[in-house]
């Protein structure tokens, strides 16, 4: 990997954005088999030069095939003229705000980890198989500064139910099974119950029940956690663990375990986010819907 510079981006944004970054991405992708006709996906693994020449592509998860593609691309790189290995970085220009997501000033990042579990006696444990569906999946919950203040005031007033925009955001966009791919997000009508209560001392507790109209997909269980603030009134910590029975699958999350099986979702505040922690929430594709999830 020391001969490559890894970059990860979301094809959903990149293929749509009308700015220099989007144009560069599409110019590279269009050299490969996925031309994106009609705005369709250009998802895949690309090896390219800084000047935008495509050296390799595949869309396969298998490490052997991906490694072969990288070796082949490296061979092409070694045969390039020296001039083709250099590039002048142009001015980025104005970004397409419609397809650009940035953490709002003062907002906090909550890391969300989802994992399928199995029961062992009276305890849960992670599944030993090292395959998709049995590994942890990661997302990020964003909470604005004004929303953090709402939680603080709620605790100061003696506690109560979390305001609906935040509660529904957590339920619809983060209580999902993302362990096998991009999960379907919950519609507001599929939130059958989401009782999210914050106590005066910061304890969090509640129950949840999410289910499609046909009953083929659902997630039902309980959660508990805590939130705390510093003496200066700043968010100190936010932790939440939800677990229960999940069933069903979505268009991109096939091969679910049969029946109702244990799924856990863990939320943890990141005090000092790094670059990877600033990846937007998966549910942020519809930005207004993410912030106003109760509408």
Protein backbone atom coordinates (compact mmCIF):
# COMPACT_ATOMS: atom_id res chain seq x y z
CA UNK A 1 0.00 0.00 0.00
CA UNK A 2 2.99 2.36 0.31
CA UNK A 3 2.88 2.72 -3.48
CA UNK A 4 -0.75 3.92 -3.45
CA UNK A 5 -2.66 6.81 -1.90
CA UNK A 6 -6.04 5.45 -0.73
CA UNK A 7 -9.10 7.66 -1.18
CA UNK A 8 -12.66 6.75 -0.29
CA UNK A 9 -15.70 8.65 -1.52
CA UNK A 10 -19.42 8.13 -1.93
CA UNK A 11 -20.39 7.46 -5.55
CA UNK A 12 -23.95 8.70 -4.87
CA UNK A 13 -22.57 12.23 -4.37
CA UNK A 14 -19.63 12.10 -6.76
CA UNK A 15 -21.56 11.11 -9.86
CA UNK A 16 -24.13 13.87 -9.28
CA UNK A 17 -22.13 16.87 -8.09
CA UNK A 18 -21.65 19.62 -10.66
CA UNK A 19 -18.27 20.99 -9.64
CA UNK A 20 -14.58 20.34 -10.32
CA UNK A 21 -14.45 17.29 -8.04
CA UNK A 22 -17.50 15.69 -9.65
CA UNK A 23 -16.22 16.40 -13.14
CA UNK A 24 -12.85 14.83 -12.31
CA UNK A 25 -14.45 11.70 -10.86
CA UNK A 26 -16.77 11.22 -13.82
CA UNK A 27 -13.93 11.75 -16.30
CA UNK A 28 -12.03 8.90 -14.63
CA UNK A 29 -15.04 6.59 -14.24
CA UNK A 30 -16.03 7.11 -17.88
CA UNK A 31 -12.74 5.51 -18.96
CA UNK A 32 -13.94 2.26 -17.38
CA UNK A 33 -16.87 -0.07 -17.97
CA UNK A 34 -19.31 1.97 -15.91
CA UNK A 35 -20.14 5.04 -17.96
CA UNK A 36 -22.97 6.02 -15.66
CA UNK A 37 -25.52 6.25 -18.45
CA UNK A 38 -28.68 7.92 -17.22
CA UNK A 39 -27.01 8.80 -13.93
CA UNK A 40 -26.58 5.17 -12.89
CA UNK A 41 -23.93 3.96 -10.49
CA UNK A 42 -20.20 4.29 -11.07
CA UNK A 43 -19.43 2.37 -7.90
CA UNK A 44 -16.21 0.40 -7.83
CA UNK A 45 -12.49 0.35 -7.05
CA UNK A 46 -10.38 2.63 -9.24
CA UNK A 47 -6.63 3.07 -9.61
CA UNK A 48 -5.79 6.35 -11.34
CA UNK A 49 -3.05 8.90 -11.80
CA UNK A 50 -3.23 12.41 -10.38
CA UNK A 51 -3.82 13.61 -13.94
CA UNK A 52 -6.94 11.45 -14.17
CA UNK A 53 -5.80 8.48 -16.24
CA UNK A 54 -7.52 5.25 -15.27
CA UNK A 55 -5.06 2.40 -14.68
CA UNK A 56 -7.33 -0.23 -13.16
CA UNK A 57 -10.92 -0.97 -12.13
CA UNK A 58 -13.02 -3.69 -10.57
CA UNK A 59 -16.14 -3.90 -8.45
CA UNK A 60 -15.45 -7.13 -6.64
CA UNK A 61 -15.00 -7.55 -2.88
CA UNK A 62 -12.67 -10.51 -3.25
CA UNK A 63 -9.21 -9.49 -1.99
CA UNK A 64 -7.36 -11.72 -4.49
CA UNK A 65 -9.01 -10.13 -7.53
CA UNK A 66 -8.61 -6.64 -6.12
CA UNK A 67 -4.93 -7.23 -5.35
CA UNK A 68 -4.31 -8.54 -8.87
CA UNK A 69 -5.97 -5.45 -10.32
CA UNK A 70 -3.72 -3.23 -8.20
CA UNK A 71 -0.59 -5.09 -9.28
CA UNK A 72 -1.61 -4.79 -12.93
CA UNK A 73 -2.29 -1.07 -12.47
CA UNK A 74 1.09 -0.61 -10.81
CA UNK A 75 2.73 -2.21 -13.82
CA UNK A 76 0.96 0.27 -16.10
CA UNK A 77 2.11 3.12 -13.85
CA UNK A 78 5.73 1.99 -14.07
CA UNK A 79 5.53 2.07 -17.87
CA UNK A 80 4.11 5.60 -18.05
CA UNK A 81 6.27 8.50 -19.28
CA UNK A 82 7.52 10.73 -16.47
CA UNK A 83 5.31 13.61 -17.64
CA UNK A 84 2.18 11.49 -17.15
CA UNK A 85 3.13 10.88 -13.53
CA UNK A 86 2.99 14.56 -12.66
CA UNK A 87 0.01 16.86 -12.35
CA UNK A 88 -0.65 20.48 -11.57
CA UNK A 89 -3.38 20.76 -8.97
CA UNK A 90 -5.95 23.31 -10.18
CA UNK A 91 -8.05 25.54 -7.97
CA UNK A 92 -10.90 23.50 -6.56
CA UNK A 93 -13.43 26.23 -7.24
CA UNK A 94 -16.88 26.44 -5.72
CA UNK A 95 -18.36 23.18 -4.48
CA UNK A 96 -21.82 21.99 -5.44
CA UNK A 97 -23.63 22.60 -2.14
CA UNK A 98 -26.48 20.33 -3.21
CA UNK A 99 -24.16 17.33 -3.03
CA UNK A 100 -21.67 18.43 -0.41
CA UNK A 101 -22.13 17.54 3.25
CA UNK A 102 -20.08 19.15 6.02
CA UNK A 103 -20.45 18.88 9.77
CA UNK A 104 -22.20 22.08 10.96
CA UNK A 105 -20.26 24.41 13.24
CA UNK A 106 -20.53 23.24 16.83
CA UNK A 107 -22.15 19.92 15.87
CA UNK A 108 -21.01 16.67 17.45
CA UNK A 109 -20.20 13.32 15.89
CA UNK A 110 -21.56 10.14 17.44
CA UNK A 111 -20.01 6.96 16.04
CA UNK A 112 -22.59 4.25 15.36
CA UNK A 113 -21.47 0.63 15.25
CA UNK A 114 -23.86 -2.15 14.25
CA UNK A 115 -23.16 -5.83 14.66
CA UNK A 116 -25.00 -9.12 14.39
CA UNK A 117 -24.68 -11.18 17.56
CA UNK A 118 -25.43 -14.72 18.64
CA UNK A 119 -26.53 -16.01 22.01
CA UNK A 120 -24.13 -18.11 24.04
CA UNK A 121 -25.78 -19.22 27.28
CA UNK A 122 -27.08 -16.07 28.96
CA UNK A 123 -24.71 -13.77 27.06
CA UNK A 124 -24.31 -12.33 23.59
CA UNK A 125 -21.15 -12.70 21.57
CA UNK A 126 -19.99 -11.62 18.12
CA UNK A 127 -20.07 -14.21 15.37
CA UNK A 128 -16.68 -15.69 14.62
CA UNK A 129 -16.98 -15.91 10.81
CA UNK A 130 -14.96 -13.21 9.05
CA UNK A 131 -17.48 -12.53 6.26
CA UNK A 132 -19.87 -9.67 5.37
CA UNK A 133 -22.89 -9.74 7.64
CA UNK A 134 -20.88 -11.06 10.56
CA UNK A 135 -18.59 -8.02 10.86
CA UNK A 136 -19.20 -4.60 12.40
CA UNK A 137 -20.62 -1.80 10.25
CA UNK A 138 -19.95 1.87 11.01
CA UNK A 139 -21.98 5.05 10.48
CA UNK A 140 -22.13 8.49 12.12
CA UNK A 141 -24.94 10.28 13.89
CA UNK A 142 -24.77 14.08 13.74
CA UNK A 143 -26.24 16.26 16.50
CA UNK A 144 -26.24 20.04 16.07
CA UNK A 145 -25.11 22.37 18.83
CA UNK A 146 -28.66 23.66 19.41
CA UNK A 147 -29.88 20.08 19.75
CA UNK A 148 -27.21 19.31 22.34
CA UNK A 149 -28.44 22.34 24.27
CA UNK A 150 -32.01 21.03 24.07
CA UNK A 151 -30.89 17.79 25.72
CA UNK A 152 -29.04 19.73 28.43
CA UNK A 153 -32.12 21.85 29.17
CA UNK A 154 -34.27 18.72 29.23
CA UNK A 155 -32.03 17.24 31.92
CA UNK A 156 -32.01 20.50 33.89
CA UNK A 157 -35.80 20.52 33.89
CA UNK A 158 -35.96 17.04 35.39
CA UNK A 159 -35.73 14.86 32.29
CA UNK A 160 -38.23 13.63 29.75
CA UNK A 161 -38.64 12.39 26.20
CA UNK A 162 -36.05 13.35 23.58
CA UNK A 163 -37.43 15.93 21.09
CA UNK A 164 -39.00 14.18 18.11
CA UNK A 165 -36.61 15.38 15.37
CA UNK A 166 -33.67 13.79 17.19
CA UNK A 167 -35.56 10.69 18.32
CA UNK A 168 -36.87 9.93 14.83
CA UNK A 169 -33.45 10.63 13.30
CA UNK A 170 -31.88 8.02 15.52
CA UNK A 171 -34.68 5.54 14.89
CA UNK A 172 -35.14 5.95 11.15
CA UNK A 173 -31.55 6.45 10.03
CA UNK A 174 -29.43 4.64 12.61
CA UNK A 175 -31.41 1.68 13.94
CA UNK A 176 -30.71 -0.19 10.71
CA UNK A 177 -28.96 -3.41 9.77
CA UNK A 178 -26.04 -2.19 7.67
CA UNK A 179 -23.90 -5.30 8.21
CA UNK A 180 -24.44 -6.69 4.68
CA UNK A 181 -24.51 -3.49 2.61
CA UNK A 182 -26.47 -0.26 2.23
CA UNK A 183 -29.61 -0.73 4.35
CA UNK A 184 -33.11 0.51 3.60
CA UNK A 185 -33.95 3.41 5.91
CA UNK A 186 -37.14 3.37 7.91
CA UNK A 187 -40.17 5.35 6.78
CA UNK A 188 -41.85 7.46 9.43
CA UNK A 189 -44.92 5.18 9.28
CA UNK A 190 -42.68 2.20 10.11
CA UNK A 191 -41.72 3.66 13.49
CA UNK A 192 -44.28 1.79 15.56
CA UNK A 193 -42.73 2.75 18.88
CA UNK A 194 -39.65 4.72 19.87
CA UNK A 195 -39.69 5.72 23.52
CA UNK A 196 -36.42 7.60 24.14
CA UNK A 197 -36.29 9.02 27.66
CA UNK A 198 -33.47 11.07 29.21
CA UNK A 199 -33.34 11.26 33.03
CA UNK A 200 -32.22 14.22 35.12
CA UNK A 201 -28.88 12.61 35.88
CA UNK A 202 -28.31 11.69 32.22
CA UNK A 203 -29.43 8.09 32.15
CA UNK A 204 -30.99 7.07 28.83
CA UNK A 205 -33.51 4.29 28.45
CA UNK A 206 -36.30 3.17 26.22
CA UNK A 207 -37.89 0.66 23.90
CA UNK A 208 -38.25 0.58 20.14
CA UNK A 209 -40.27 -1.23 17.50
CA UNK A 210 -39.67 -0.64 13.79
CA UNK A 211 -41.53 -2.70 11.20
CA UNK A 212 -42.63 -2.53 7.58
CA UNK A 213 -46.31 -2.63 6.73
CA UNK A 214 -46.04 -6.19 5.42
CA UNK A 215 -44.11 -7.34 8.49
CA UNK A 216 -41.26 -8.76 6.41
CA UNK A 217 -38.62 -6.51 7.96
CA UNK A 218 -38.35 -5.20 11.50
CA UNK A 219 -36.22 -4.44 14.53
CA UNK A 220 -37.58 -4.52 18.07
CA UNK A 221 -35.84 -4.24 21.42
CA UNK A 222 -34.57 -2.02 24.21
CA UNK A 223 -31.76 0.47 24.72
CA UNK A 224 -29.88 2.09 27.56
CA UNK A 225 -27.06 4.54 27.97
CA UNK A 226 -26.00 7.87 29.42
CA UNK A 227 -25.19 11.42 28.46
CA UNK A 228 -23.11 13.83 30.53
CA UNK A 229 -21.97 17.43 30.43
CA UNK A 230 -18.90 19.14 31.84
CA UNK A 231 -19.07 21.81 34.54
CA UNK A 232 -18.82 24.37 31.73
CA UNK A 233 -21.92 22.89 30.08
CA UNK A 234 -20.14 21.18 27.18
CA UNK A 235 -21.04 17.69 26.04
CA UNK A 236 -18.75 15.31 27.86
CA UNK A 237 -20.01 11.92 26.75
CA UNK A 238 -22.85 10.17 24.95
CA UNK A 239 -23.17 6.41 24.97
CA UNK A 240 -26.10 4.29 23.92
CA UNK A 241 -26.50 0.55 23.41
CA UNK A 242 -29.55 -0.85 21.66
CA UNK A 243 -30.17 -4.54 21.18
CA UNK A 244 -33.05 -6.69 20.12
CA UNK A 245 -34.38 -8.91 17.37
CA UNK A 246 -34.00 -7.96 13.74
CA UNK A 247 -35.52 -9.73 10.76
CA UNK A 248 -35.76 -9.30 7.02
CA UNK A 249 -33.53 -7.74 4.38
CA UNK A 250 -33.41 -4.96 1.83
CA UNK A 251 -32.49 -4.59 -1.82
CA UNK A 252 -28.77 -4.28 -1.04
CA UNK A 253 -28.73 -6.35 2.16
CA UNK A 254 -29.53 -9.83 0.92
CA UNK A 255 -28.76 -13.12 2.68
CA UNK A 256 -30.07 -12.16 6.11
CA UNK A 257 -29.95 -14.77 8.82
CA UNK A 258 -33.22 -16.72 8.89
CA UNK A 259 -35.86 -15.72 11.39
CA UNK A 260 -35.55 -13.08 14.10
CA UNK A 261 -31.93 -12.77 15.21
CA UNK A 262 -30.00 -10.58 17.61
CA UNK A 263 -28.65 -7.26 16.39
CA UNK A 264 -26.91 -4.61 18.47
CA UNK A 265 -26.32 -0.92 17.75
CA UNK A 266 -23.80 1.06 19.80
CA UNK A 267 -23.46 4.87 19.85
CA UNK A 268 -20.36 6.61 21.21
CA UNK A 269 -19.44 10.31 21.21
CA UNK A 270 -16.17 11.17 19.45
CA UNK A 271 -14.61 14.05 21.36
CA UNK A 272 -11.90 14.82 18.78
CA UNK A 273 -13.02 13.59 15.35
CA UNK A 274 -10.40 12.60 12.80
CA UNK A 275 -10.90 12.82 9.03
CA UNK A 276 -12.56 9.39 8.81
CA UNK A 277 -15.00 10.38 11.57
CA UNK A 278 -16.32 13.25 9.45
CA UNK A 279 -17.83 10.98 6.80
CA UNK A 280 -21.47 12.11 6.58
CA UNK A 281 -24.25 9.88 7.89
CA UNK A 282 -25.58 7.41 5.33
CA UNK A 283 -29.04 8.89 5.80
CA UNK A 284 -27.73 12.36 4.85
CA UNK A 285 -28.44 11.82 1.14
CA UNK A 286 -31.70 13.70 1.77
CA UNK A 287 -30.27 16.43 4.01
CA UNK A 288 -33.53 18.10 5.00
CA UNK A 289 -35.10 14.74 5.79
CA UNK A 290 -32.20 13.84 8.05
CA UNK A 291 -32.53 16.95 10.19
CA UNK A 292 -36.34 16.86 10.18
CA UNK A 293 -36.86 13.13 10.51
CA UNK A 294 -40.19 13.55 12.29
CA UNK A 295 -41.83 15.19 9.27
